[in-house]
Amino acid sequence: MSQDNRVKMECTECKRMNYFPNKNKKVLKNRLELEKFCKFCKKHTTHKETK
């Protein structure tokens, strides 16, 4: 069985869910934190993985 699971990414400024990438939980133990474009803020912001 694959360990790739879908995770939710939340904008740190507007707190909205924007991205739903796949994450290999065997390889990446920590939460993801990426600079992504937020279509609600209309700028690049930090997006963090949520539960």
PDB file of N, CA and C in Angstrom:
ATOM      1  N   MET A   1       0.832  -1.177   0.000  1.00  0.00           N
ATOM      2  CA  MET A   1       0.000   0.000   0.000  1.00  0.00           C
ATOM      3  C   MET A   1       0.884   1.251   0.000  1.00  0.00           C
ATOM      4  N   SER A   2       0.469   2.248  -0.732  1.00  0.00           N
ATOM      5  CA  SER A   2       1.243   3.467  -0.867  1.00  0.00           C
ATOM      6  C   SER A   2       1.120   4.350   0.373  1.00  0.00           C
ATOM      7  N   GLN A   3       2.201   5.024   0.718  1.00  0.00           N
ATOM      8  CA  GLN A   3       2.192   5.952   1.846  1.00  0.00           C
ATOM      9  C   GLN A   3       1.927   7.392   1.424  1.00  0.00           C
ATOM     10  N   ASP A   4       1.669   7.589   0.138  1.00  0.00           N
ATOM     11  CA  ASP A   4       1.365   8.942  -0.337  1.00  0.00           C
ATOM     12  C   ASP A   4      -0.054   9.312   0.051  1.00  0.00           C
ATOM     13  N   ASN A   5      -0.192  10.397   0.756  1.00  0.00           N
ATOM     14  CA  ASN A   5      -1.500  10.867   1.190  1.00  0.00           C
ATOM     15  C   ASN A   5      -1.670  12.332   0.854  1.00  0.00           C
ATOM     16  N   ARG A   6      -2.904  12.693   0.670  1.00  0.00           N
ATOM     17  CA  ARG A   6      -3.239  14.070   0.351  1.00  0.00           C
ATOM     18  C   ARG A   6      -3.229  14.903   1.635  1.00  0.00           C
ATOM     19  N   VAL A   7      -2.633  16.090   1.579  1.00  0.00           N
ATOM     20  CA  VAL A   7      -2.604  16.992   2.729  1.00  0.00           C
ATOM     21  C   VAL A   7      -3.194  18.337   2.324  1.00  0.00           C
ATOM     22  N   LYS A   8      -3.660  19.095   3.306  1.00  0.00           N
ATOM     23  CA  LYS A   8      -4.240  20.416   3.054  1.00  0.00           C
ATOM     24  C   LYS A   8      -3.210  21.485   3.362  1.00  0.00           C
ATOM     25  N   MET A   9      -3.129  22.487   2.493  1.00  0.00           N
ATOM     26  CA  MET A   9      -2.233  23.616   2.715  1.00  0.00           C
ATOM     27  C   MET A   9      -3.081  24.859   2.976  1.00  0.00           C
ATOM     28  N   GLU A  10      -2.740  25.567   4.064  1.00  0.00           N
ATOM     29  CA  GLU A  10      -3.501  26.733   4.474  1.00  0.00           C
ATOM     30  C   GLU A  10      -2.633  27.977   4.386  1.00  0.00           C
ATOM     31  N   CYS A  11      -3.194  29.041   3.845  1.00  0.00           N
ATOM     32  CA  CYS A  11      -2.485  30.321   3.774  1.00  0.00           C
ATOM     33  C   CYS A  11      -2.325  30.870   5.188  1.00  0.00           C
ATOM     34  N   THR A  12      -1.139  31.389   5.512  1.00  0.00           N
ATOM     35  CA  THR A  12      -0.900  31.904   6.858  1.00  0.00           C
ATOM     36  C   THR A  12      -1.514  33.276   7.070  1.00  0.00           C
ATOM     37  N   GLU A  13      -1.838  33.982   5.986  1.00  0.00           N
ATOM     38  CA  GLU A  13      -2.407  35.322   6.128  1.00  0.00           C
ATOM     39  C   GLU A  13      -3.931  35.323   6.183  1.00  0.00           C
ATOM     40  N   CYS A  14      -4.577  34.667   5.220  1.00  0.00           N
ATOM     41  CA  CYS A  14      -6.042  34.686   5.188  1.00  0.00           C
ATOM     42  C   CYS A  14      -6.671  33.429   5.783  1.00  0.00           C
ATOM     43  N   LYS A  15      -5.857  32.413   6.112  1.00  0.00           N
ATOM     44  CA  LYS A  15      -6.303  31.163   6.757  1.00  0.00           C
ATOM     45  C   LYS A  15      -7.272  30.350   5.899  1.00  0.00           C
ATOM     46  N   ARG A  16      -7.127  30.420   4.585  1.00  0.00           N
ATOM     47  CA  ARG A  16      -7.976  29.638   3.699  1.00  0.00           C
ATOM     48  C   ARG A  16      -7.208  28.463   3.118  1.00  0.00           C
ATOM     49  N   MET A  17      -7.926  27.367   2.854  1.00  0.00           N
ATOM     50  CA  MET A  17      -7.333  26.181   2.240  1.00  0.00           C
ATOM     51  C   MET A  17      -7.233  26.397   0.739  1.00  0.00           C
ATOM     52  N   ASN A  18      -6.002  26.327   0.191  1.00  0.00           N
ATOM     53  CA  ASN A  18      -5.812  26.599  -1.231  1.00  0.00           C
ATOM     54  C   ASN A  18      -5.278  25.413  -2.002  1.00  0.00           C
ATOM     55  N   TYR A  19      -4.358  24.680  -1.413  1.00  0.00           N
ATOM     56  CA  TYR A  19      -3.658  23.619  -2.130  1.00  0.00           C
ATOM     57  C   TYR A  19      -3.826  22.287  -1.419  1.00  0.00           C
ATOM     58  N   PHE A  20      -3.830  21.198  -2.228  1.00  0.00           N
ATOM     59  CA  PHE A  20      -4.006  19.846  -1.708  1.00  0.00           C
ATOM     60  C   PHE A  20      -2.982  18.916  -2.350  1.00  0.00           C
ATOM     61  N   PRO A  21      -1.708  19.073  -1.998  1.00  0.00           N
ATOM     62  CA  PRO A  21      -0.667  18.234  -2.613  1.00  0.00           C
ATOM     63  C   PRO A  21      -0.607  16.849  -1.958  1.00  0.00           C
ATOM     64  N   ASN A  22       0.112  15.953  -2.618  1.00  0.00           N
ATOM     65  CA  ASN A  22       0.380  14.636  -2.058  1.00  0.00           C
ATOM     66  C   ASN A  22       1.695  14.683  -1.295  1.00  0.00           C
ATOM     67  N   LYS A  23       1.763  13.900  -0.232  1.00  0.00           N
ATOM     68  CA  LYS A  23       2.954  13.886   0.606  1.00  0.00           C
ATOM     69  C   LYS A  23       3.268  12.449   0.982  1.00  0.00           C
ATOM     70  N   ASN A  24       4.510  12.039   0.806  1.00  0.00           N
ATOM     71  CA  ASN A  24       4.948  10.727   1.244  1.00  0.00           C
ATOM     72  C   ASN A  24       5.298  10.829   2.725  1.00  0.00           C
ATOM     73  N   LYS A  25       4.473  10.253   3.563  1.00  0.00           N
ATOM     74  CA  LYS A  25       4.648  10.396   5.013  1.00  0.00           C
ATOM     75  C   LYS A  25       5.771   9.553   5.587  1.00  0.00           C
ATOM     76  N   LYS A  26       6.252   8.579   4.825  1.00  0.00           N
ATOM     77  CA  LYS A  26       7.417   7.807   5.274  1.00  0.00           C
ATOM     78  C   LYS A  26       8.690   8.627   5.144  1.00  0.00           C
ATOM     79  N   VAL A  27       8.775   9.446   4.089  1.00  0.00           N
ATOM     80  CA  VAL A  27       9.983  10.224   3.815  1.00  0.00           C
ATOM     81  C   VAL A  27       9.953  11.559   4.551  1.00  0.00           C
ATOM     82  N   LEU A  28       8.830  12.274   4.482  1.00  0.00           N
ATOM     83  CA  LEU A  28       8.701  13.592   5.096  1.00  0.00           C
ATOM     84  C   LEU A  28       7.940  13.485   6.412  1.00  0.00           C
ATOM     85  N   LYS A  29       8.654  13.595   7.509  1.00  0.00           N
ATOM     86  CA  LYS A  29       8.033  13.463   8.827  1.00  0.00           C
ATOM     87  C   LYS A  29       7.451  14.785   9.314  1.00  0.00           C
ATOM     88  N   ASN A  30       8.116  15.894   8.991  1.00  0.00           N
ATOM     89  CA  ASN A  30       7.668  17.205   9.451  1.00  0.00           C
ATOM     90  C   ASN A  30       6.571  17.742   8.550  1.00  0.00           C
ATOM     91  N   ARG A  31       5.907  18.787   9.025  1.00  0.00           N
ATOM     92  CA  ARG A  31       4.858  19.420   8.232  1.00  0.00           C
ATOM     93  C   ARG A  31       5.465  20.264   7.115  1.00  0.00           C
ATOM     94  N   LEU A  32       4.764  20.279   5.994  1.00  0.00           N
ATOM     95  CA  LEU A  32       5.221  21.067   4.851  1.00  0.00           C
ATOM     96  C   LEU A  32       4.979  22.548   5.089  1.00  0.00           C
ATOM     97  N   GLU A  33       5.884  23.369   4.553  1.00  0.00           N
ATOM     98  CA  GLU A  33       5.739  24.815   4.608  1.00  0.00           C
ATOM     99  C   GLU A  33       6.332  25.365   3.314  1.00  0.00           C
ATOM    100  N   LEU A  34       5.479  25.904   2.447  1.00  0.00           N
ATOM    101  CA  LEU A  34       5.898  26.329   1.114  1.00  0.00           C
ATOM    102  C   LEU A  34       5.416  27.729   0.799  1.00  0.00           C
ATOM    103  N   GLU A  35       6.186  28.413  -0.061  1.00  0.00           N
ATOM    104  CA  GLU A  35       5.753  29.699  -0.602  1.00  0.00           C
ATOM    105  C   GLU A  35       4.906  29.419  -1.829  1.00  0.00           C
ATOM    106  N   LYS A  36       3.613  29.750  -1.750  1.00  0.00           N
ATOM    107  CA  LYS A  36       2.693  29.507  -2.852  1.00  0.00           C
ATOM    108  C   LYS A  36       1.878  30.774  -3.110  1.00  0.00           C
ATOM    109  N   PHE A  37       1.265  30.829  -4.299  1.00  0.00           N
ATOM    110  CA  PHE A  37       0.415  31.960  -4.634  1.00  0.00           C
ATOM    111  C   PHE A  37      -0.977  31.735  -4.062  1.00  0.00           C
ATOM    112  N   CYS A  38      -1.467  32.701  -3.309  1.00  0.00           N
ATOM    113  CA  CYS A  38      -2.809  32.638  -2.741  1.00  0.00           C
ATOM    114  C   CYS A  38      -3.744  33.443  -3.634  1.00  0.00           C
ATOM    115  N   LYS A  39      -4.767  32.793  -4.177  1.00  0.00           N
ATOM    116  CA  LYS A  39      -5.677  33.493  -5.081  1.00  0.00           C
ATOM    117  C   LYS A  39      -6.628  34.427  -4.334  1.00  0.00           C
ATOM    118  N   PHE A  40      -6.751  34.268  -3.031  1.00  0.00           N
ATOM    119  CA  PHE A  40      -7.603  35.153  -2.244  1.00  0.00           C
ATOM    120  C   PHE A  40      -6.850  36.413  -1.816  1.00  0.00           C
ATOM    121  N   CYS A  41      -5.576  36.260  -1.438  1.00  0.00           N
ATOM    122  CA  CYS A  41      -4.728  37.407  -1.076  1.00  0.00           C
ATOM    123  C   CYS A  41      -4.152  38.088  -2.314  1.00  0.00           C
ATOM    124  N   LYS A  42      -4.089  37.348  -3.413  1.00  0.00           N
ATOM    125  CA  LYS A  42      -3.516  37.813  -4.680  1.00  0.00           C
ATOM    126  C   LYS A  42      -2.034  38.147  -4.567  1.00  0.00           C
ATOM    127  N   LYS A  43      -1.301  37.307  -3.796  1.00  0.00           N
ATOM    128  CA  LYS A  43       0.150  37.452  -3.680  1.00  0.00           C
ATOM    129  C   LYS A  43       0.744  36.143  -3.186  1.00  0.00           C
ATOM    130  N   HIS A  44       2.060  36.052  -3.220  1.00  0.00           N
ATOM    131  CA  HIS A  44       2.758  34.870  -2.729  1.00  0.00           C
ATOM    132  C   HIS A  44       2.860  34.950  -1.209  1.00  0.00           C
ATOM    133  N   THR A  45       2.406  33.886  -0.563  1.00  0.00           N
ATOM    134  CA  THR A  45       2.443  33.826   0.896  1.00  0.00           C
ATOM    135  C   THR A  45       2.925  32.443   1.325  1.00  0.00           C
ATOM    136  N   THR A  46       3.235  32.319   2.587  1.00  0.00           N
ATOM    137  CA  THR A  46       3.630  31.022   3.137  1.00  0.00           C
ATOM    138  C   THR A  46       2.381  30.188   3.376  1.00  0.00           C
ATOM    139  N   HIS A  47       2.417  28.947   2.926  1.00  0.00           N
ATOM    140  CA  HIS A  47       1.329  28.017   3.142  1.00  0.00           C
ATOM    141  C   HIS A  47       1.837  26.871   4.013  1.00  0.00           C
ATOM    142  N   LYS A  48       1.091  26.555   5.058  1.00  0.00           N
ATOM    143  CA  LYS A  48       1.487  25.486   5.973  1.00  0.00           C
ATOM    144  C   LYS A  48       0.510  24.330   5.898  1.00  0.00           C
ATOM    145  N   GLU A  49       1.036  23.150   6.141  1.00  0.00           N
ATOM    146  CA  GLU A  49       0.194  21.954   6.173  1.00  0.00           C
ATOM    147  C   GLU A  49      -0.673  21.960   7.409  1.00  0.00           C
ATOM    148  N   THR A  50      -1.944  21.598   7.237  1.00  0.00           N
ATOM    149  CA  THR A  50      -2.864  21.509   8.378  1.00  0.00           C
ATOM    150  C   THR A  50      -3.298  20.064   8.545  1.00  0.00           C
ATOM    151  N   LYS A  51      -4.049  19.789   9.575  1.00  0.00           N
ATOM    152  CA  LYS A  51      -4.538  18.435   9.834  1.00  0.00           C
ATOM    153  C   LYS A  51      -5.658  18.087   8.899  1.00  0.00           C
TER     154      LYS A  51
END
